[in-house]
Amino acid sequence: MIKKEKKNHQNSLDELNKIYSKLFPDKVLQERKENFLNYQFSDKNFIQNLVDNFDPLKFDFNIISKQQ
């Protein structure tokens, strides 16, 4: 039972590490590495989506996911 729990714990950590490496490539924020034009070319409403979802006076991280 302990062995199974350790494996589950390791799997969870692996998943978190994958997410972390996507959000922080080379251990810096993603927006420091990627250009917004990549997103603009793939979604013509990208800028409008940003305007609709961000509050400039709220200093929190925001995550906008692509609808498929």
Protein backbone atom coordinates (compact mmCIF):
# COMPACT_ATOMS: atom_id res chain seq x y z
CA MET A 1 0.00 0.00 0.00
CA ILE A 2 2.84 2.39 0.82
CA LYS A 3 4.57 1.56 -2.45
CA LYS A 4 1.39 2.36 -4.38
CA GLU A 5 0.96 5.64 -2.53
CA LYS A 6 4.57 6.64 -3.28
CA LYS A 7 3.98 5.91 -6.96
CA ASN A 8 0.81 8.03 -6.96
CA HIS A 9 2.67 10.82 -5.25
CA GLN A 10 5.47 10.66 -7.82
CA ASN A 11 2.96 10.72 -10.67
CA SER A 12 1.37 13.84 -9.23
CA LEU A 13 4.75 15.50 -8.90
CA ASP A 14 5.60 14.62 -12.49
CA GLU A 15 2.38 16.19 -13.72
CA LEU A 16 3.03 19.35 -11.73
CA ASN A 17 6.54 19.55 -13.12
CA LYS A 18 5.19 19.32 -16.67
CA ILE A 19 2.79 22.18 -16.00
CA TYR A 20 5.52 24.22 -14.35
CA SER A 21 7.88 23.78 -17.31
CA LYS A 22 5.14 24.92 -19.71
CA LEU A 23 4.40 28.04 -17.69
CA PHE A 24 8.02 28.79 -16.81
CA PRO A 25 10.28 27.72 -19.69
CA ASP A 26 13.94 27.99 -18.65
CA LYS A 27 12.64 28.96 -15.19
CA VAL A 28 11.31 32.35 -16.30
CA LEU A 29 7.76 33.43 -17.03
CA GLN A 30 6.40 32.25 -20.36
CA GLU A 31 5.73 35.77 -21.61
CA ARG A 32 9.44 36.52 -21.24
CA LYS A 33 10.23 33.76 -23.76
CA GLU A 34 7.37 33.73 -26.22
CA ASN A 35 6.20 36.45 -28.52
CA PHE A 36 2.50 37.36 -28.53
CA LEU A 37 2.49 37.18 -32.33
CA ASN A 38 2.51 33.39 -32.10
CA TYR A 39 -0.85 33.62 -30.40
CA GLN A 40 -2.16 36.40 -32.61
CA PHE A 41 -1.50 34.37 -35.76
CA SER A 42 -3.26 31.32 -34.35
CA ASP A 43 -6.27 33.26 -33.01
CA LYS A 44 -7.43 36.42 -34.76
CA ASN A 45 -9.43 37.44 -31.68
CA PHE A 46 -6.44 37.18 -29.37
CA ILE A 47 -6.10 40.89 -28.58
CA GLN A 48 -9.83 41.32 -28.05
CA ASN A 49 -9.80 38.27 -25.80
CA LEU A 50 -7.07 39.86 -23.70
CA VAL A 51 -8.96 43.13 -23.43
CA ASP A 52 -12.11 41.30 -22.39
CA ASN A 53 -10.41 39.18 -19.73
CA PHE A 54 -7.86 41.41 -18.03
CA ASP A 55 -8.36 44.07 -15.43
CA PRO A 56 -5.33 46.40 -15.54
CA LEU A 57 -5.73 47.34 -11.88
CA LYS A 58 -5.79 43.78 -10.63
CA PHE A 59 -2.26 42.48 -10.15
CA ASP A 60 -2.91 38.77 -10.35
CA PHE A 61 -1.85 36.09 -12.78
CA ASN A 62 -4.43 35.33 -15.41
CA ILE A 63 -4.66 32.22 -17.49
CA ILE A 64 -6.64 32.25 -20.69
CA SER A 65 -7.09 28.94 -22.38
CA LYS A 66 -7.74 28.37 -26.02
CA GLN A 67 -11.24 27.11 -26.74
CA GLN A 68 -11.25 24.14 -29.08
